[in-house]
Protein backbone atom coordinates (compact mmCIF):
# COMPACT_ATOMS: atom_id res chain seq x y z
CA MET A 1 96.05 115.57 144.76
CA SER A 2 94.90 115.51 141.14
CA LEU A 3 96.61 117.62 138.53
CA THR A 4 95.15 120.95 137.42
CA LEU A 5 96.38 123.72 135.14
CA ASN A 6 95.47 127.38 135.34
CA GLU A 7 95.24 129.51 132.21
CA LYS A 8 98.79 130.83 132.53
CA GLU A 9 100.16 127.30 132.89
CA LYS A 10 98.18 126.12 129.87
CA ARG A 11 99.67 128.91 127.77
CA SER A 12 103.15 128.08 129.04
CA ILE A 13 102.72 124.41 128.14
CA VAL A 14 101.51 125.34 124.66
CA ALA A 15 104.50 127.65 124.15
CA VAL A 16 106.91 124.83 124.98
CA VAL A 17 105.03 122.38 122.75
CA GLN A 18 104.91 124.79 119.83
CA ASN A 19 108.64 125.37 120.08
CA LYS A 20 109.39 121.65 119.85
CA LEU A 21 106.45 120.39 117.79
CA GLU A 22 107.87 120.27 114.28
CA ALA A 23 111.19 118.75 115.27
CA HIS A 24 109.52 115.81 117.00
CA LEU A 25 106.72 115.26 114.48
CA ASN A 26 109.40 115.02 111.78
CA HIS A 27 110.30 111.65 113.31
CA PHE A 28 106.79 110.32 113.96
CA PRO A 29 106.29 106.84 112.38
CA TYR A 30 102.97 107.58 110.67
CA ALA A 31 102.67 104.17 109.02
CA ARG A 32 102.85 102.43 112.40
CA TYR A 33 99.91 104.40 113.78
CA PRO A 34 97.36 105.10 111.02
CA ILE A 35 94.30 106.81 112.46
CA GLU A 36 91.76 105.14 110.16
CA PRO A 37 91.06 102.00 112.28
CA LEU A 38 90.43 103.90 115.51
CA ASN A 39 86.83 105.01 114.99
CA GLU A 40 85.75 101.52 113.96
CA TRP A 41 87.46 100.01 116.99
CA LYS A 42 85.76 102.49 119.32
CA ARG A 43 82.42 101.39 117.91
CA ILE A 44 83.26 97.71 118.43
CA PHE A 45 84.93 98.00 121.84
CA CYS A 46 82.02 99.85 123.42
CA ASP A 47 80.62 96.35 123.96
CA PRO A 48 83.65 94.23 124.96
CA LYS A 49 81.72 90.97 124.61
CA THR A 50 81.37 91.50 120.87
CA VAL A 51 85.08 92.10 120.21
CA PRO A 52 86.53 89.29 118.04
CA SER A 53 89.92 88.02 119.18
CA ASP A 54 91.41 88.97 115.81
CA THR A 55 90.23 92.57 116.24
CA LEU A 56 91.60 92.66 119.78
CA LYS A 57 94.96 91.43 118.53
CA LYS A 58 95.04 93.97 115.68
CA ALA A 59 94.25 96.81 118.06
CA LEU A 60 97.03 95.78 120.43
CA ASN A 61 99.44 95.42 117.51
CA TRP A 62 98.56 99.01 116.58
CA HIS A 63 99.21 100.18 120.12
CA PHE A 64 102.66 98.60 120.07
CA GLY A 65 103.51 100.28 116.75
CA SER A 66 103.29 97.08 114.74
CA TRP A 67 100.37 97.75 112.43
CA GLN A 68 100.64 95.37 109.44
CA ARG A 69 103.94 94.12 110.86
CA LYS A 70 105.01 90.75 112.23
CA ASP A 71 108.18 91.79 114.04
CA LEU A 72 106.73 92.45 117.49
CA ALA A 73 109.15 92.52 120.38
CA LEU A 74 108.94 89.51 122.67
CA ALA A 75 107.69 91.65 125.56
CA HIS A 76 104.85 92.97 123.40
CA ARG A 77 103.89 89.50 122.20
CA LYS A 78 103.67 88.32 125.80
CA ILE A 79 101.39 91.21 126.77
CA ILE A 80 99.07 90.48 123.84
CA SER A 81 99.04 86.77 124.67
CA VAL A 82 98.01 87.41 128.29
CA ILE A 83 95.26 89.85 127.29
CA LEU A 84 93.87 87.41 124.73
CA LYS A 85 93.94 84.65 127.33
CA PHE A 86 92.05 86.59 130.00
CA TRP A 87 89.72 88.61 127.75
CA PRO A 88 86.83 86.09 128.12
CA GLU A 89 87.12 86.42 131.91
CA TYR A 90 87.30 90.20 131.64
CA VAL A 91 84.15 90.55 129.54
CA GLU A 92 82.15 88.50 132.03
CA HIS A 93 82.09 91.67 134.12
CA PRO A 94 81.15 94.35 131.57
CA ALA A 95 79.74 96.61 134.30
CA HIS A 96 83.22 97.13 135.74
CA ALA A 97 84.03 100.73 136.51
CA ALA A 98 87.10 101.96 134.67
CA GLU A 99 89.26 101.76 137.77
CA GLN A 100 88.17 98.17 138.39
CA SER A 101 89.00 97.29 134.79
CA PHE A 102 92.40 98.91 135.17
CA HIS A 103 93.20 96.94 138.32
CA PHE A 104 91.91 93.70 136.76
CA TRP A 105 94.62 93.92 134.11
CA GLU A 106 97.19 95.26 136.55
CA GLN A 107 96.87 91.98 138.45
CA LYS A 108 97.06 89.84 135.32
CA LEU A 109 100.03 91.54 133.62
CA SER A 110 103.32 90.95 135.39
CA ASP A 111 105.18 93.25 132.96
CA TRP A 112 103.38 96.47 133.87
CA HIS A 113 106.12 98.56 132.26
CA HIS A 114 104.70 97.50 128.89
CA GLY A 115 101.26 96.47 130.08
CA PHE A 116 100.15 99.90 131.31
CA GLY A 117 99.97 101.39 127.83
CA ALA A 118 98.06 98.42 126.41
CA VAL A 119 95.48 98.65 129.20
CA ALA A 120 95.18 102.43 128.88
CA PHE A 121 94.63 102.01 125.13
CA LEU A 122 91.88 99.44 125.68
CA LEU A 123 90.19 101.77 128.18
CA HIS A 124 90.35 104.54 125.59
CA LEU A 125 88.69 102.33 122.98
CA GLN A 126 85.97 101.32 125.43
CA ARG A 127 85.48 104.77 126.95
CA PRO A 128 86.86 107.37 124.51
CA ASP A 129 84.84 110.14 126.15
CA GLN A 130 86.56 109.48 129.47
CA TYR A 131 90.18 108.59 128.66
CA GLU A 132 92.80 109.60 126.13
CA ILE A 133 95.36 107.29 124.54
CA ALA A 134 98.13 107.08 127.13
CA ASP A 135 101.34 105.13 127.60
CA ARG A 136 104.57 105.57 129.53
CA HIS A 137 106.06 107.79 126.82
CA ARG A 138 103.12 110.18 126.87
CA ILE A 139 103.03 110.18 130.68
CA ASP A 140 106.76 110.94 130.82
CA ALA A 141 106.27 113.75 128.30
CA MET A 142 103.57 115.27 130.51
CA PHE A 143 105.82 115.30 133.56
CA SER A 144 108.72 116.73 131.54
CA LEU A 145 106.51 119.59 130.38
CA LEU A 146 105.25 120.23 133.90
CA LYS A 147 108.84 120.45 135.05
CA ALA A 148 109.68 122.81 132.18
CA ILE A 149 107.07 125.34 133.35
CA ASP A 150 107.89 124.92 137.05
CA HIS A 151 104.46 123.45 137.85
CA ALA A 152 103.55 122.40 141.38
CA HIS A 153 103.81 118.76 140.23
CA LYS A 154 107.26 119.30 138.68
CA GLU A 155 108.95 116.75 140.96
CA ARG A 156 106.30 114.10 140.47
CA VAL A 157 107.38 110.94 138.67
CA SER A 158 105.36 108.42 136.74
CA THR A 159 104.07 105.40 138.65
CA LEU A 160 101.91 104.12 135.76
CA SER A 161 98.91 104.26 138.06
CA PHE A 162 95.24 104.88 137.42
CA LEU A 163 95.78 108.39 138.79
CA ASP A 164 98.47 108.94 136.15
CA LEU A 165 95.95 107.97 133.47
CA GLN A 166 93.31 110.31 134.91
CA ASP A 167 95.74 113.19 135.24
CA TYR A 168 97.14 112.66 131.77
CA THR A 169 93.63 112.83 130.30
CA SER A 170 92.96 116.03 132.22
CA PHE A 171 96.32 117.48 131.13
CA PHE A 172 95.73 116.57 127.49
CA ARG A 173 92.20 117.95 127.38
CA SER A 174 93.26 121.17 129.08
CA THR A 175 96.08 121.71 126.62
CA PHE A 176 95.06 120.75 123.10
CA PRO A 177 92.27 123.38 122.69
CA LYS A 178 94.93 126.06 123.25
CA LEU A 179 97.02 124.92 120.29
CA PRO A 180 96.62 126.94 117.07
CA HIS A 181 96.07 124.01 114.71
CA GLY A 182 92.29 123.88 114.58
CA ASN A 183 90.87 120.41 114.03
CA GLU A 184 94.38 118.95 113.90
CA SER A 185 95.39 120.16 117.37
CA ARG A 186 94.29 117.00 119.18
CA LEU A 187 96.11 114.66 116.81
CA LYS A 188 99.25 116.78 116.67
CA LEU A 189 99.48 116.97 120.45
CA ASP A 190 98.94 113.23 120.84
CA ARG A 191 101.70 112.45 118.34
CA PHE A 192 104.02 115.05 119.80
CA LEU A 193 103.67 113.69 123.34
CA LYS A 194 104.34 110.17 122.09
CA MET A 195 107.55 111.28 120.41
CA TYR A 196 108.67 113.76 123.06
CA GLY A 197 108.34 111.17 125.80
CA ASN A 198 110.42 108.76 123.71
CA ARG A 199 112.91 111.37 122.47
CA HIS A 200 115.91 109.60 124.00
CA ALA A 201 115.39 106.70 121.59
CA TYR A 202 115.89 109.11 118.67
CA LYS A 203 118.96 110.93 119.93
CA ASN A 204 121.22 109.22 117.38
CA VAL A 205 118.93 109.81 114.39
CA THR A 206 120.58 111.96 111.73
CA LEU A 207 119.34 115.53 111.42
CA ASP A 208 118.21 115.02 107.82
CA TYR A 209 116.02 112.02 108.68
CA GLN A 210 112.35 112.87 108.37
CA THR A 211 109.14 110.90 108.08
CA LYS A 212 106.23 112.11 106.01
CA GLU A 213 102.52 111.72 106.58
CA PRO A 214 100.70 110.42 103.49
CA SER A 215 98.30 112.86 101.88
CA ILE A 216 96.18 109.94 100.62
CA ARG A 217 95.65 107.48 103.46
CA GLU A 218 92.71 105.58 101.96
CA PHE A 219 92.03 104.62 98.36
CA SER A 220 89.19 103.01 96.42
CA TRP A 221 89.24 102.23 92.71
CA GLU A 222 85.47 102.72 92.62
CA LYS A 223 85.61 106.20 94.13
CA ALA A 224 88.86 107.52 92.64
CA SER A 225 88.52 110.11 89.88
CA SER A 226 90.76 112.63 88.17
CA LYS A 227 90.27 115.48 85.74
CA GLN A 228 93.91 115.50 84.71
CA PHE A 229 94.82 111.80 84.55
CA ASP A 230 93.15 108.75 83.01
CA LEU A 231 92.92 106.30 85.90
CA LYS A 232 90.86 103.87 83.80
CA LYS A 233 93.97 102.98 81.82
CA ILE A 234 95.54 101.50 84.95
CA MET A 235 94.53 97.89 84.38
CA LEU A 236 96.29 96.10 87.24
CA ARG A 237 95.17 96.22 90.88
CA SER A 238 98.22 95.39 92.99
CA ASN A 239 99.89 97.73 95.48
CA ALA A 240 102.19 99.14 92.80
CA ASP A 241 99.18 100.13 90.73
CA VAL A 242 97.45 101.66 93.75
CA LEU A 243 100.58 103.71 94.45
CA PHE A 244 100.69 104.91 90.84
CA ALA A 245 97.05 105.99 91.01
CA CYS A 246 97.75 107.78 94.30
CA LEU A 247 100.77 109.49 92.74
CA LEU A 248 98.60 110.84 89.93
CA LEU A 249 95.96 112.03 92.39
CA SER A 250 98.63 113.63 94.56
CA LEU A 251 100.19 115.43 91.59
CA GLU A 252 96.76 116.76 90.69
CA GLN A 253 96.05 117.69 94.30
CA HIS A 254 99.26 119.71 94.48
CA SER A 255 98.71 121.23 91.01
CA GLN A 256 101.98 119.83 89.73
CA PRO A 257 102.65 120.09 85.98
CA ASP A 258 103.14 116.99 83.85
CA GLU A 259 106.89 117.27 83.97
CA ALA A 260 109.70 114.89 84.79
CA LEU A 261 110.16 113.84 88.39
CA THR A 262 112.96 112.17 90.29
CA ILE A 263 112.25 108.83 91.93
CA GLY A 264 113.05 110.45 95.26
CA ARG A 265 110.43 113.12 94.66
CA ILE A 266 107.87 110.48 93.72
CA ALA A 267 108.57 108.67 96.99
CA GLU A 268 107.81 111.92 98.83
CA TYR A 269 104.43 112.14 97.11
CA ILE A 270 103.51 108.56 98.02
CA PRO A 271 105.35 107.73 101.27
CA LEU A 272 104.95 104.60 103.34
CA GLY A 273 101.37 104.48 104.59
CA THR A 274 99.85 105.77 101.35
CA ALA A 275 96.50 104.07 100.63
CA GLY A 276 96.90 102.12 103.87
CA ILE A 277 100.03 100.31 102.64
CA CYS A 278 101.84 100.42 105.98
CA ASN A 279 103.93 97.26 105.79
CA SER A 280 107.41 98.37 104.71
CA ALA A 281 108.18 95.15 102.80
CA SER A 282 104.95 95.41 100.79
CA TYR A 283 105.55 99.09 100.16
CA ASN A 284 109.16 98.67 99.04
CA TYR A 285 108.21 95.84 96.68
CA ALA A 286 105.45 98.00 95.21
CA MET A 287 107.85 100.91 94.72
CA ILE A 288 110.30 98.70 92.85
CA SER A 289 107.51 97.29 90.68
CA LEU A 290 106.30 100.81 89.93
CA PHE A 291 109.33 101.63 87.76
CA GLY A 292 109.75 98.32 85.94
CA SER A 293 107.76 96.49 83.29
CA GLN A 294 106.65 93.56 85.42
CA LYS A 295 103.23 92.32 84.26
CA GLY A 296 103.32 94.84 81.41
CA ARG A 297 103.53 98.00 83.53
CA ASP A 298 104.53 101.08 81.56
CA TYR A 299 103.95 103.92 84.00
CA PHE A 300 107.21 105.80 83.43
CA GLN A 301 109.73 106.51 80.75
CA LEU A 302 113.21 105.85 82.12
CA GLU A 303 116.61 106.81 80.78
CA GLY A 304 117.35 103.64 78.87
CA ALA A 305 115.75 100.23 78.69
CA VAL A 306 118.54 98.65 80.71
CA LEU A 307 117.54 100.47 83.89
CA ARG A 308 113.89 99.55 83.39
CA ASP A 309 114.99 95.94 83.08
CA ASP A 310 116.96 96.28 86.31
CA PHE A 311 113.81 97.36 88.15
CA THR A 312 111.87 94.52 86.54
CA ASP A 313 114.51 91.98 87.52
CA GLN A 314 114.50 93.23 91.10
CA ALA A 315 110.71 92.96 91.27
CA ASN A 316 110.84 89.38 89.98
CA GLN A 317 113.50 88.25 92.46
CA SER A 318 112.51 86.78 95.81
CA THR A 319 115.79 88.09 97.26
CA ARG A 320 115.35 91.60 95.86
CA ASP A 321 117.09 94.68 97.21
CA MET A 322 114.17 96.33 99.01
CA LYS A 323 115.77 99.77 98.80
CA PHE A 324 116.67 99.51 95.12
CA TYR A 325 114.42 102.44 94.23
CA ALA A 326 115.95 104.59 96.98
CA LYS A 327 119.42 104.02 95.53
CA HIS A 328 118.15 105.67 92.34
CA ALA A 329 116.46 108.58 94.13
CA ASP A 330 118.11 111.15 91.83
CA LEU A 331 117.07 109.38 88.63
CA ILE A 332 114.71 111.47 86.51
CA VAL A 333 111.68 109.66 85.11
CA THR A 334 108.79 110.92 83.01
CA LEU A 335 105.13 109.94 83.22
CA ASN A 336 103.92 107.90 80.30
CA PRO A 337 101.75 110.37 78.31
CA LYS A 338 99.06 107.70 77.81
CA TYR A 339 97.92 108.30 81.41
CA ILE A 340 97.49 112.05 80.89
CA LYS A 341 94.11 113.13 79.60
CA LYS A 342 94.15 115.16 76.42
CA SER A 343 92.82 118.66 76.89
């Protein structure tokens, strides 16, 4: 029997979600799952025969939380390898119904524990109107919520079946319109279910640990403009310079005065994922470079030339301390006035 929710049950689900939403979204790894590539992938995957292998690999990396990263778990690498191997065979039958496609991959992937989510994600990209992004964490979250409201399916357990995927899509689409977050309700629910279903992995995370979603996720030098700051005086074009431009735009966006800031506060304005810089090594290097004088950078006035030199030395070292800037989170720095437009 397929899963259904009446209006009372929908409201009960939403009440539980709302009560837990903020706590779980505070741990969501935004930089691992940027939303920007999804629409382009949906356009490409609607015709599986046209999907380049590199795009297929990038999409699967995204699914496994490894966007712009190279440290995939062995199990994830094996799943991707098998899908890449059998993709040419799969696309020879583009008229497959969704259930046939699902079972095609179910037969090819021996590790279905990890394979289910990858296949569900590919079905979502190919048929976004029919299926939501699903994986074992989201499925587990659904069943936990059904149990919390004493639903008729409260004793049901996940089998990672095609029925689970269908029921999850129905559950998701019945629930998100009831959330009070407007256009963000769908995305918030998706992220919440991902985290809630995987909550046991975060049980040892300290209470003060929080992630932050970037306010500027995409950036273009050609399109960027500011009334308050002179972006044209930023002459370099590396990640550090992009982050500085995004910092200025963020300060303007939040109507912040041109006053001194701590390095920790600056990191909050331009967190990992800003301008699509989602690789932590690239981001940390850029943050270190931001406060030094490497390549003539002069973005901030620091307390003493020695500390500026320390940042510069770290940026120039191949064995740099990637969290050097975080160790100076309380240090107060001041924007170089040359980047502030004169009124």
